[in-house]
Amino acid sequence: MTRTYEGGFDGSRLRVAIVASRFNETIGNGLVQGALDCLGRHGVAEEDLFVAWVPGAFELPMVAARIASSGDVDAVVCVGAVIRGETPHFDFVAGQAATGIGEASMRTGIPITFGVLTTDDAAQAAERAGGKVGNKGFDAALAAIEMANLMTSLPKPQTEL
């Protein structure tokens, strides 16, 4: 018989941190509110929620890794917005944030989800931070719950990854 592993959406036993970029703060606030809404709706207790603010998206991976490696959380949700400008700065920041968050998750073994918007303009970001396209902070938090639950159901590794 084939074994199937899936994570559920019950957050009642989870401790979750949100790491948020202060740059483009209005967008970041919307994403944090979406993440908090999702976590609350799925049973994560308020006393098991943590929010850490960092200057920008580039700093998200360092703080996410620190929190994830603390043993105090089951998942970390990273949120922020990198909005394209007239220089290649966008590409460097967005790429480093994505790579760093992925590496931090792999290194710590704790799910760290990517709720960082990478948009062409502020209007697109606003649409994704609680506007007509939804809230990607909510989506990243939902993925964190599912991944945290999935990780507890998977076989334990025999060796370090």
C-alpha atoms as a PDB file:
ATOM      1  CA  MET A   1       0.000   0.000   0.000  1.00  0.00           C
ATOM      2  CA  THR A   2       1.270   3.457  -0.877  1.00  0.00           C
ATOM      3  CA  ARG A   3       1.968   5.795   2.032  1.00  0.00           C
ATOM      4  CA  THR A   4       0.801   9.344   1.614  1.00  0.00           C
ATOM      5  CA  TYR A   5       1.998  12.203   3.791  1.00  0.00           C
ATOM      6  CA  GLU A   6       0.070  15.445   4.011  1.00  0.00           C
ATOM      7  CA  GLY A   7       0.102  18.344   6.411  1.00  0.00           C
ATOM      8  CA  GLY A   8      -3.116  19.482   7.984  1.00  0.00           C
ATOM      9  CA  PHE A   9      -4.359  22.975   8.743  1.00  0.00           C
ATOM     10  CA  ASP A  10      -4.834  22.709  12.503  1.00  0.00           C
ATOM     11  CA  GLY A  11      -2.502  25.234  14.084  1.00  0.00           C
ATOM     12  CA  SER A  12      -3.667  24.757  17.663  1.00  0.00           C
ATOM     13  CA  ARG A  13      -0.429  23.104  18.815  1.00  0.00           C
ATOM     14  CA  LEU A  14       1.934  25.270  16.759  1.00  0.00           C
ATOM     15  CA  ARG A  15       4.217  28.153  17.662  1.00  0.00           C
ATOM     16  CA  VAL A  16       4.748  30.458  14.688  1.00  0.00           C
ATOM     17  CA  ALA A  17       6.907  33.509  14.075  1.00  0.00           C
ATOM     18  CA  ILE A  18       6.356  36.149  11.434  1.00  0.00           C
ATOM     19  CA  VAL A  19       9.406  38.022  10.215  1.00  0.00           C
ATOM     20  CA  ALA A  20       8.379  41.179   8.391  1.00  0.00           C
ATOM     21  CA  SER A  21      10.227  43.737   6.308  1.00  0.00           C
ATOM     22  CA  ARG A  22       9.673  47.336   7.413  1.00  0.00           C
ATOM     23  CA  PHE A  23      10.668  48.709   3.976  1.00  0.00           C
ATOM     24  CA  ASN A  24       7.416  49.351   2.086  1.00  0.00           C
ATOM     25  CA  GLU A  25       5.851  49.332   5.550  1.00  0.00           C
ATOM     26  CA  THR A  26       2.233  49.839   4.495  1.00  0.00           C
ATOM     27  CA  ILE A  27       2.457  46.700   2.372  1.00  0.00           C
ATOM     28  CA  GLY A  28       4.312  44.856   5.137  1.00  0.00           C
ATOM     29  CA  ASN A  29       1.630  45.761   7.671  1.00  0.00           C
ATOM     30  CA  GLY A  30      -1.045  44.380   5.364  1.00  0.00           C
ATOM     31  CA  LEU A  31       0.871  41.137   4.908  1.00  0.00           C
ATOM     32  CA  VAL A  32       1.415  40.766   8.656  1.00  0.00           C
ATOM     33  CA  GLN A  33      -2.289  41.329   9.303  1.00  0.00           C
ATOM     34  CA  GLY A  34      -3.144  38.696   6.694  1.00  0.00           C
ATOM     35  CA  ALA A  35      -0.722  36.206   8.278  1.00  0.00           C
ATOM     36  CA  LEU A  36      -2.076  36.880  11.779  1.00  0.00           C
ATOM     37  CA  ASP A  37      -5.636  36.466  10.507  1.00  0.00           C
ATOM     38  CA  CYS A  38      -4.791  33.111   8.950  1.00  0.00           C
ATOM     39  CA  LEU A  39      -2.931  31.838  11.997  1.00  0.00           C
ATOM     40  CA  GLY A  40      -5.753  32.868  14.324  1.00  0.00           C
ATOM     41  CA  ARG A  41      -8.427  31.305  12.117  1.00  0.00           C
ATOM     42  CA  HIS A  42      -6.485  28.035  12.133  1.00  0.00           C
ATOM     43  CA  GLY A  43      -6.127  27.844  15.894  1.00  0.00           C
ATOM     44  CA  VAL A  44      -2.672  29.229  16.650  1.00  0.00           C
ATOM     45  CA  ALA A  45      -2.954  30.771  20.112  1.00  0.00           C
ATOM     46  CA  GLU A  46      -2.029  34.433  20.439  1.00  0.00           C
ATOM     47  CA  GLU A  47       0.627  33.586  23.034  1.00  0.00           C
ATOM     48  CA  ASP A  48       2.243  31.260  20.465  1.00  0.00           C
ATOM     49  CA  LEU A  49       2.643  34.020  17.863  1.00  0.00           C
ATOM     50  CA  PHE A  50       5.755  36.157  17.494  1.00  0.00           C
ATOM     51  CA  VAL A  51       6.441  39.063  15.127  1.00  0.00           C
ATOM     52  CA  ALA A  52       9.931  40.383  14.389  1.00  0.00           C
ATOM     53  CA  TRP A  53      10.471  43.437  12.185  1.00  0.00           C
ATOM     54  CA  VAL A  54      13.610  43.822  10.066  1.00  0.00           C
ATOM     55  CA  PRO A  55      14.736  46.815   7.974  1.00  0.00           C
ATOM     56  CA  GLY A  56      14.199  45.239   4.560  1.00  0.00           C
ATOM     57  CA  ALA A  57      13.715  42.007   2.617  1.00  0.00           C
ATOM     58  CA  PHE A  58      17.472  41.399   2.467  1.00  0.00           C
ATOM     59  CA  GLU A  59      17.522  40.982   6.263  1.00  0.00           C
ATOM     60  CA  LEU A  60      14.654  38.483   6.416  1.00  0.00           C
ATOM     61  CA  PRO A  61      16.769  35.296   6.050  1.00  0.00           C
ATOM     62  CA  MET A  62      19.146  36.086   8.917  1.00  0.00           C
ATOM     63  CA  VAL A  63      16.400  36.745  11.440  1.00  0.00           C
ATOM     64  CA  ALA A  64      14.259  33.860  10.174  1.00  0.00           C
ATOM     65  CA  ALA A  65      17.194  31.470  10.572  1.00  0.00           C
ATOM     66  CA  ARG A  66      17.930  32.734  14.087  1.00  0.00           C
ATOM     67  CA  ILE A  67      14.328  32.306  15.201  1.00  0.00           C
ATOM     68  CA  ALA A  68      13.967  28.931  13.475  1.00  0.00           C
ATOM     69  CA  SER A  69      17.124  27.575  15.107  1.00  0.00           C
ATOM     70  CA  SER A  70      16.013  28.731  18.585  1.00  0.00           C
ATOM     71  CA  GLY A  71      13.701  25.789  19.183  1.00  0.00           C
ATOM     72  CA  ASP A  72      10.948  28.247  20.125  1.00  0.00           C
ATOM     73  CA  VAL A  73       8.854  27.890  16.948  1.00  0.00           C
ATOM     74  CA  ASP A  74       7.496  25.238  14.625  1.00  0.00           C
ATOM     75  CA  ALA A  75       7.403  27.503  11.565  1.00  0.00           C
ATOM     76  CA  VAL A  76       8.405  30.964  10.378  1.00  0.00           C
ATOM     77  CA  VAL A  77       6.504  33.146   7.912  1.00  0.00           C
ATOM     78  CA  CYS A  78       8.579  35.754   6.037  1.00  0.00           C
ATOM     79  CA  VAL A  79       6.692  38.695   4.544  1.00  0.00           C
ATOM     80  CA  GLY A  80       7.654  41.882   2.780  1.00  0.00           C
ATOM     81  CA  ALA A  81       7.654  43.614  -0.564  1.00  0.00           C
ATOM     82  CA  VAL A  82      10.372  44.296  -3.095  1.00  0.00           C
ATOM     83  CA  ILE A  83       9.050  46.684  -5.711  1.00  0.00           C
ATOM     84  CA  ARG A  84      10.886  47.062  -9.006  1.00  0.00           C
ATOM     85  CA  GLY A  85      12.567  50.407  -9.534  1.00  0.00           C
ATOM     86  CA  GLU A  86      14.762  51.888 -12.222  1.00  0.00           C
ATOM     87  CA  THR A  87      17.936  50.032 -11.191  1.00  0.00           C
ATOM     88  CA  PRO A  88      18.847  46.335 -10.907  1.00  0.00           C
ATOM     89  CA  HIS A  89      18.680  46.624  -7.090  1.00  0.00           C
ATOM     90  CA  PHE A  90      15.317  44.817  -7.213  1.00  0.00           C
ATOM     91  CA  ASP A  91      16.872  41.694  -8.751  1.00  0.00           C
ATOM     92  CA  PHE A  92      19.628  41.466  -6.165  1.00  0.00           C
ATOM     93  CA  VAL A  93      17.409  42.013  -3.135  1.00  0.00           C
ATOM     94  CA  ALA A  94      14.580  39.742  -4.286  1.00  0.00           C
ATOM     95  CA  GLY A  95      16.971  36.991  -5.337  1.00  0.00           C
ATOM     96  CA  GLN A  96      18.998  37.099  -2.139  1.00  0.00           C
ATOM     97  CA  ALA A  97      15.865  37.128   0.006  1.00  0.00           C
ATOM     98  CA  ALA A  98      14.457  34.077  -1.783  1.00  0.00           C
ATOM     99  CA  THR A  99      17.731  32.157  -1.731  1.00  0.00           C
ATOM    100  CA  GLY A 100      18.455  33.036   1.879  1.00  0.00           C
ATOM    101  CA  ILE A 101      15.019  32.048   3.108  1.00  0.00           C
ATOM    102  CA  GLY A 102      15.229  28.708   1.309  1.00  0.00           C
ATOM    103  CA  GLU A 103      18.702  28.038   2.679  1.00  0.00           C
ATOM    104  CA  ALA A 104      17.634  28.975   6.210  1.00  0.00           C
ATOM    105  CA  SER A 105      14.745  26.527   6.054  1.00  0.00           C
ATOM    106  CA  MET A 106      16.945  23.717   4.778  1.00  0.00           C
ATOM    107  CA  ARG A 107      19.682  24.440   7.327  1.00  0.00           C
ATOM    108  CA  THR A 108      17.356  24.573  10.339  1.00  0.00           C
ATOM    109  CA  GLY A 109      14.835  21.923   9.299  1.00  0.00           C
ATOM    110  CA  ILE A 110      12.044  24.326  10.246  1.00  0.00           C
ATOM    111  CA  PRO A 111       9.539  25.403   7.585  1.00  0.00           C
ATOM    112  CA  ILE A 112      10.189  29.021   6.606  1.00  0.00           C
ATOM    113  CA  THR A 113       7.694  30.242   4.053  1.00  0.00           C
ATOM    114  CA  PHE A 114       8.178  32.943   1.436  1.00  0.00           C
ATOM    115  CA  GLY A 115       5.530  35.644   1.537  1.00  0.00           C
ATOM    116  CA  VAL A 116       7.698  38.302  -0.069  1.00  0.00           C
ATOM    117  CA  LEU A 117       5.987  40.156  -2.874  1.00  0.00           C
ATOM    118  CA  THR A 118       8.091  40.918  -5.935  1.00  0.00           C
ATOM    119  CA  THR A 119       6.071  43.336  -8.005  1.00  0.00           C
ATOM    120  CA  ASP A 120       6.562  45.877 -10.754  1.00  0.00           C
ATOM    121  CA  ASP A 121       4.820  48.673  -8.859  1.00  0.00           C
ATOM    122  CA  ALA A 122       3.208  49.654  -5.567  1.00  0.00           C
ATOM    123  CA  ALA A 123      -0.314  49.103  -6.906  1.00  0.00           C
ATOM    124  CA  GLN A 124       0.431  45.449  -7.645  1.00  0.00           C
ATOM    125  CA  ALA A 125       1.872  45.050  -4.147  1.00  0.00           C
ATOM    126  CA  ALA A 126      -1.207  46.625  -2.542  1.00  0.00           C
ATOM    127  CA  GLU A 127      -3.460  44.260  -4.504  1.00  0.00           C
ATOM    128  CA  ARG A 128      -1.576  41.300  -3.010  1.00  0.00           C
ATOM    129  CA  ALA A 129      -1.439  42.639   0.561  1.00  0.00           C
ATOM    130  CA  GLY A 130      -5.169  42.612   1.200  1.00  0.00           C
ATOM    131  CA  GLY A 131      -6.499  44.082  -2.035  1.00  0.00           C
ATOM    132  CA  LYS A 132      -8.424  42.494  -4.868  1.00  0.00           C
ATOM    133  CA  VAL A 133      -5.854  39.706  -5.434  1.00  0.00           C
ATOM    134  CA  GLY A 134      -6.057  38.567  -1.810  1.00  0.00           C
ATOM    135  CA  ASN A 135      -3.380  38.546   0.849  1.00  0.00           C
ATOM    136  CA  LYS A 136      -0.139  36.686   0.252  1.00  0.00           C
ATOM    137  CA  GLY A 137       0.674  36.975   3.960  1.00  0.00           C
ATOM    138  CA  PHE A 138      -2.391  34.820   4.624  1.00  0.00           C
ATOM    139  CA  ASP A 139      -1.237  32.347   1.962  1.00  0.00           C
ATOM    140  CA  ALA A 140       2.308  32.146   3.377  1.00  0.00           C
ATOM    141  CA  ALA A 141       0.936  31.547   6.883  1.00  0.00           C
ATOM    142  CA  LEU A 142      -1.340  28.779   5.617  1.00  0.00           C
ATOM    143  CA  ALA A 143       1.639  27.125   3.920  1.00  0.00           C
ATOM    144  CA  ALA A 144       3.591  27.394   7.196  1.00  0.00           C
ATOM    145  CA  ILE A 145       0.842  25.599   9.114  1.00  0.00           C
ATOM    146  CA  GLU A 146       0.618  22.859   6.506  1.00  0.00           C
ATOM    147  CA  MET A 147       4.382  22.393   6.350  1.00  0.00           C
ATOM    148  CA  ALA A 148       4.830  22.344  10.137  1.00  0.00           C
ATOM    149  CA  ASN A 149       2.182  19.633  10.399  1.00  0.00           C
ATOM    150  CA  LEU A 150       3.652  17.702   7.479  1.00  0.00           C
ATOM    151  CA  MET A 151       7.131  17.748   9.013  1.00  0.00           C
ATOM    152  CA  THR A 152       5.849  16.138  12.207  1.00  0.00           C
ATOM    153  CA  SER A 153       4.237  13.303  10.246  1.00  0.00           C
ATOM    154  CA  LEU A 154       7.215  12.485   8.004  1.00  0.00           C
ATOM    155  CA  PRO A 155       9.732   9.789   8.920  1.00  0.00           C
ATOM    156  CA  LYS A 156      12.634  11.139  10.947  1.00  0.00           C
ATOM    157  CA  PRO A 157      15.944  11.455   9.044  1.00  0.00           C
ATOM    158  CA  GLN A 158      18.666   8.953   9.892  1.00  0.00           C
ATOM    159  CA  THR A 159      21.385  11.481   9.186  1.00  0.00           C
ATOM    160  CA  GLU A 160      21.698  15.241   8.974  1.00  0.00           C
ATOM    161  CA  LEU A 161      20.565  16.724   5.667  1.00  0.00           C
END
